[in-house]
Amino acid sequence: MAERSFAGTVHAPDFPEGLDWLNTSRPLHVTDLKGKLVLLDFWTSC
């Protein structure tokens, strides 16, 4: 079976307004991250 590439075919939505950001001086947008490897770490303190 041939490999399928989805590069450039699926667009991620932008982050919602009003999020609390850590280790950055300003809120980020998806366009700021284009072409970069991104690791999202989801955590809770409950």
PDB file of N, CA and C in Angstrom:
ATOM      1  N   MET A   1       0.845  -1.177   0.000  1.00  0.00           N
ATOM      2  CA  MET A   1       0.000   0.000   0.000  1.00  0.00           C
ATOM      3  C   MET A   1       0.896   1.247   0.000  1.00  0.00           C
ATOM      4  N   ALA A   2       0.577   2.204  -0.808  1.00  0.00           N
ATOM      5  CA  ALA A   2       1.355   3.444  -0.892  1.00  0.00           C
ATOM      6  C   ALA A   2       1.074   4.315   0.327  1.00  0.00           C
ATOM      7  N   GLU A   3       2.108   5.034   0.777  1.00  0.00           N
ATOM      8  CA  GLU A   3       1.934   5.955   1.902  1.00  0.00           C
ATOM      9  C   GLU A   3       1.132   7.169   1.454  1.00  0.00           C
ATOM     10  N   ARG A   4       0.255   7.634   2.336  1.00  0.00           N
ATOM     11  CA  ARG A   4      -0.516   8.840   2.046  1.00  0.00           C
ATOM     12  C   ARG A   4       0.022   9.978   2.898  1.00  0.00           C
ATOM     13  N   SER A   5       0.193  11.113   2.307  1.00  0.00           N
ATOM     14  CA  SER A   5       0.644  12.290   3.044  1.00  0.00           C
ATOM     15  C   SER A   5      -0.526  13.248   3.223  1.00  0.00           C
ATOM     16  N   PHE A   6      -0.733  13.668   4.455  1.00  0.00           N
ATOM     17  CA  PHE A   6      -1.778  14.637   4.740  1.00  0.00           C
ATOM     18  C   PHE A   6      -1.199  16.033   4.934  1.00  0.00           C
ATOM     19  N   ALA A   7       0.070  16.200   4.646  1.00  0.00           N
ATOM     20  CA  ALA A   7       0.727  17.497   4.820  1.00  0.00           C
ATOM     21  C   ALA A   7       0.016  18.555   3.991  1.00  0.00           C
ATOM     22  N   GLY A   8      -0.381  19.619   4.648  1.00  0.00           N
ATOM     23  CA  GLY A   8      -1.028  20.721   3.963  1.00  0.00           C
ATOM     24  C   GLY A   8      -2.495  20.513   3.653  1.00  0.00           C
ATOM     25  N   THR A   9      -3.073  19.399   4.083  1.00  0.00           N
ATOM     26  CA  THR A   9      -4.477  19.145   3.758  1.00  0.00           C
ATOM     27  C   THR A   9      -5.402  19.329   4.949  1.00  0.00           C
ATOM     28  N   VAL A  10      -4.863  19.319   6.164  1.00  0.00           N
ATOM     29  CA  VAL A  10      -5.678  19.475   7.363  1.00  0.00           C
ATOM     30  C   VAL A  10      -5.193  20.718   8.103  1.00  0.00           C
ATOM     31  N   HIS A  11      -6.111  21.650   8.352  1.00  0.00           N
ATOM     32  CA  HIS A  11      -5.741  22.895   9.024  1.00  0.00           C
ATOM     33  C   HIS A  11      -6.208  22.864  10.476  1.00  0.00           C
ATOM     34  N   ALA A  12      -5.298  23.174  11.380  1.00  0.00           N
ATOM     35  CA  ALA A  12      -5.643  23.211  12.806  1.00  0.00           C
ATOM     36  C   ALA A  12      -6.367  24.518  13.119  1.00  0.00           C
ATOM     37  N   PRO A  13      -7.354  24.476  14.000  1.00  0.00           N
ATOM     38  CA  PRO A  13      -8.027  25.721  14.391  1.00  0.00           C
ATOM     39  C   PRO A  13      -7.111  26.561  15.279  1.00  0.00           C
ATOM     40  N   ASP A  14      -7.349  27.858  15.331  1.00  0.00           N
ATOM     41  CA  ASP A  14      -6.561  28.727  16.197  1.00  0.00           C
ATOM     42  C   ASP A  14      -6.950  28.463  17.657  1.00  0.00           C
ATOM     43  N   PHE A  15      -6.098  28.858  18.586  1.00  0.00           N
ATOM     44  CA  PHE A  15      -6.373  28.681  20.007  1.00  0.00           C
ATOM     45  C   PHE A  15      -7.493  29.640  20.431  1.00  0.00           C
ATOM     46  N   PRO A  16      -8.348  29.225  21.363  1.00  0.00           N
ATOM     47  CA  PRO A  16      -9.430  30.109  21.827  1.00  0.00           C
ATOM     48  C   PRO A  16      -8.868  31.337  22.544  1.00  0.00           C
ATOM     49  N   GLU A  17      -9.617  32.430  22.488  1.00  0.00           N
ATOM     50  CA  GLU A  17      -9.238  33.651  23.206  1.00  0.00           C
ATOM     51  C   GLU A  17      -9.334  33.426  24.713  1.00  0.00           C
ATOM     52  N   GLY A  18      -8.517  34.127  25.486  1.00  0.00           N
ATOM     53  CA  GLY A  18      -8.617  34.096  26.938  1.00  0.00           C
ATOM     54  C   GLY A  18      -7.905  32.956  27.632  1.00  0.00           C
ATOM     55  N   LEU A  19      -7.056  32.198  26.917  1.00  0.00           N
ATOM     56  CA  LEU A  19      -6.311  31.111  27.554  1.00  0.00           C
ATOM     57  C   LEU A  19      -5.183  31.667  28.413  1.00  0.00           C
ATOM     58  N   ASP A  20      -4.814  30.950  29.461  1.00  0.00           N
ATOM     59  CA  ASP A  20      -3.642  31.295  30.261  1.00  0.00           C
ATOM     60  C   ASP A  20      -2.435  30.624  29.625  1.00  0.00           C
ATOM     61  N   TRP A  21      -1.395  31.412  29.315  1.00  0.00           N
ATOM     62  CA  TRP A  21      -0.201  30.894  28.655  1.00  0.00           C
ATOM     63  C   TRP A  21       0.956  30.880  29.642  1.00  0.00           C
ATOM     64  N   LEU A  22       1.764  29.832  29.588  1.00  0.00           N
ATOM     65  CA  LEU A  22       2.957  29.704  30.425  1.00  0.00           C
ATOM     66  C   LEU A  22       4.200  29.789  29.548  1.00  0.00           C
ATOM     67  N   ASN A  23       5.254  30.385  30.076  1.00  0.00           N
ATOM     68  CA  ASN A  23       6.562  30.451  29.413  1.00  0.00           C
ATOM     69  C   ASN A  23       6.534  31.157  28.068  1.00  0.00           C
ATOM     70  N   THR A  24       5.675  32.128  27.908  1.00  0.00           N
ATOM     71  CA  THR A  24       5.642  32.943  26.704  1.00  0.00           C
ATOM     72  C   THR A  24       5.176  34.343  27.089  1.00  0.00           C
ATOM     73  N   SER A  25       5.668  35.339  26.391  1.00  0.00           N
ATOM     74  CA  SER A  25       5.342  36.716  26.747  1.00  0.00           C
ATOM     75  C   SER A  25       4.014  37.187  26.165  1.00  0.00           C
ATOM     76  N   ARG A  26       3.445  36.410  25.249  1.00  0.00           N
ATOM     77  CA  ARG A  26       2.185  36.802  24.624  1.00  0.00           C
ATOM     78  C   ARG A  26       1.432  35.550  24.177  1.00  0.00           C
ATOM     79  N   PRO A  27       0.131  35.664  23.952  1.00  0.00           N
ATOM     80  CA  PRO A  27      -0.617  34.522  23.426  1.00  0.00           C
ATOM     81  C   PRO A  27      -0.098  34.119  22.044  1.00  0.00           C
ATOM     82  N   LEU A  28      -0.089  32.830  21.762  1.00  0.00           N
ATOM     83  CA  LEU A  28       0.380  32.332  20.479  1.00  0.00           C
ATOM     84  C   LEU A  28      -0.799  32.067  19.556  1.00  0.00           C
ATOM     85  N   HIS A  29      -0.512  32.057  18.274  1.00  0.00           N
ATOM     86  CA  HIS A  29      -1.497  31.714  17.252  1.00  0.00           C
ATOM     87  C   HIS A  29      -0.931  30.567  16.433  1.00  0.00           C
ATOM     88  N   VAL A  30      -1.783  29.817  15.804  1.00  0.00           N
ATOM     89  CA  VAL A  30      -1.352  28.672  15.002  1.00  0.00           C
ATOM     90  C   VAL A  30      -0.361  29.114  13.928  1.00  0.00           C
ATOM     91  N   THR A  31      -0.557  30.296  13.368  1.00  0.00           N
ATOM     92  CA  THR A  31       0.360  30.775  12.326  1.00  0.00           C
ATOM     93  C   THR A  31       1.777  31.008  12.871  1.00  0.00           C
ATOM     94  N   ASP A  32       1.909  31.296  14.180  1.00  0.00           N
ATOM     95  CA  ASP A  32       3.236  31.462  14.801  1.00  0.00           C
ATOM     96  C   ASP A  32       3.991  30.136  14.840  1.00  0.00           C
ATOM     97  N   LEU A  33       3.283  29.024  14.788  1.00  0.00           N
ATOM     98  CA  LEU A  33       3.883  27.703  14.956  1.00  0.00           C
ATOM     99  C   LEU A  33       4.069  26.953  13.640  1.00  0.00           C
ATOM    100  N   LYS A  34       3.678  27.558  12.535  1.00  0.00           N
ATOM    101  CA  LYS A  34       3.757  26.888  11.240  1.00  0.00           C
ATOM    102  C   LYS A  34       5.198  26.484  10.930  1.00  0.00           C
ATOM    103  N   GLY A  35       5.376  25.236  10.551  1.00  0.00           N
ATOM    104  CA  GLY A  35       6.698  24.723  10.201  1.00  0.00           C
ATOM    105  C   GLY A  35       7.537  24.283  11.387  1.00  0.00           C
ATOM    106  N   LYS A  36       6.970  24.312  12.589  1.00  0.00           N
ATOM    107  CA  LYS A  36       7.706  23.933  13.795  1.00  0.00           C
ATOM    108  C   LYS A  36       7.101  22.664  14.396  1.00  0.00           C
ATOM    109  N   LEU A  37       7.937  21.894  15.070  1.00  0.00           N
ATOM    110  CA  LEU A  37       7.465  20.733  15.813  1.00  0.00           C
ATOM    111  C   LEU A  37       6.887  21.240  17.130  1.00  0.00           C
ATOM    112  N   VAL A  38       5.643  20.872  17.420  1.00  0.00           N
ATOM    113  CA  VAL A  38       4.958  21.376  18.601  1.00  0.00           C
ATOM    114  C   VAL A  38       4.539  20.228  19.495  1.00  0.00           C
ATOM    115  N   LEU A  39       4.872  20.318  20.772  1.00  0.00           N
ATOM    116  CA  LEU A  39       4.446  19.337  21.769  1.00  0.00           C
ATOM    117  C   LEU A  39       3.507  20.042  22.722  1.00  0.00           C
ATOM    118  N   LEU A  40       2.267  19.583  22.803  1.00  0.00           N
ATOM    119  CA  LEU A  40       1.300  20.148  23.716  1.00  0.00           C
ATOM    120  C   LEU A  40       1.209  19.250  24.945  1.00  0.00           C
ATOM    121  N   ASP A  41       1.356  19.855  26.118  1.00  0.00           N
ATOM    122  CA  ASP A  41       1.300  19.113  27.372  1.00  0.00           C
ATOM    123  C   ASP A  41       0.036  19.554  28.120  1.00  0.00           C
ATOM    124  N   PHE A  42      -0.952  18.684  28.174  1.00  0.00           N
ATOM    125  CA  PHE A  42      -2.201  18.991  28.864  1.00  0.00           C
ATOM    126  C   PHE A  42      -2.117  18.442  30.283  1.00  0.00           C
ATOM    127  N   TRP A  43      -2.404  19.261  31.268  1.00  0.00           N
ATOM    128  CA  TRP A  43      -2.351  18.806  32.646  1.00  0.00           C
ATOM    129  C   TRP A  43      -3.446  19.501  33.442  1.00  0.00           C
ATOM    130  N   THR A  44      -3.740  18.938  34.594  1.00  0.00           N
ATOM    131  CA  THR A  44      -4.747  19.511  35.489  1.00  0.00           C
ATOM    132  C   THR A  44      -4.233  19.424  36.920  1.00  0.00           C
ATOM    133  N   SER A  45      -4.769  20.260  37.774  1.00  0.00           N
ATOM    134  CA  SER A  45      -4.342  20.250  39.165  1.00  0.00           C
ATOM    135  C   SER A  45      -5.507  19.917  40.087  1.00  0.00           C
ATOM    136  N   CYS A  46      -6.258  18.891  39.729  1.00  0.00           N
ATOM    137  CA  CYS A  46      -7.395  18.528  40.585  1.00  0.00           C
ATOM    138  C   CYS A  46      -7.079  17.262  41.359  1.00  0.00           C
TER     139      CYS A  46
END
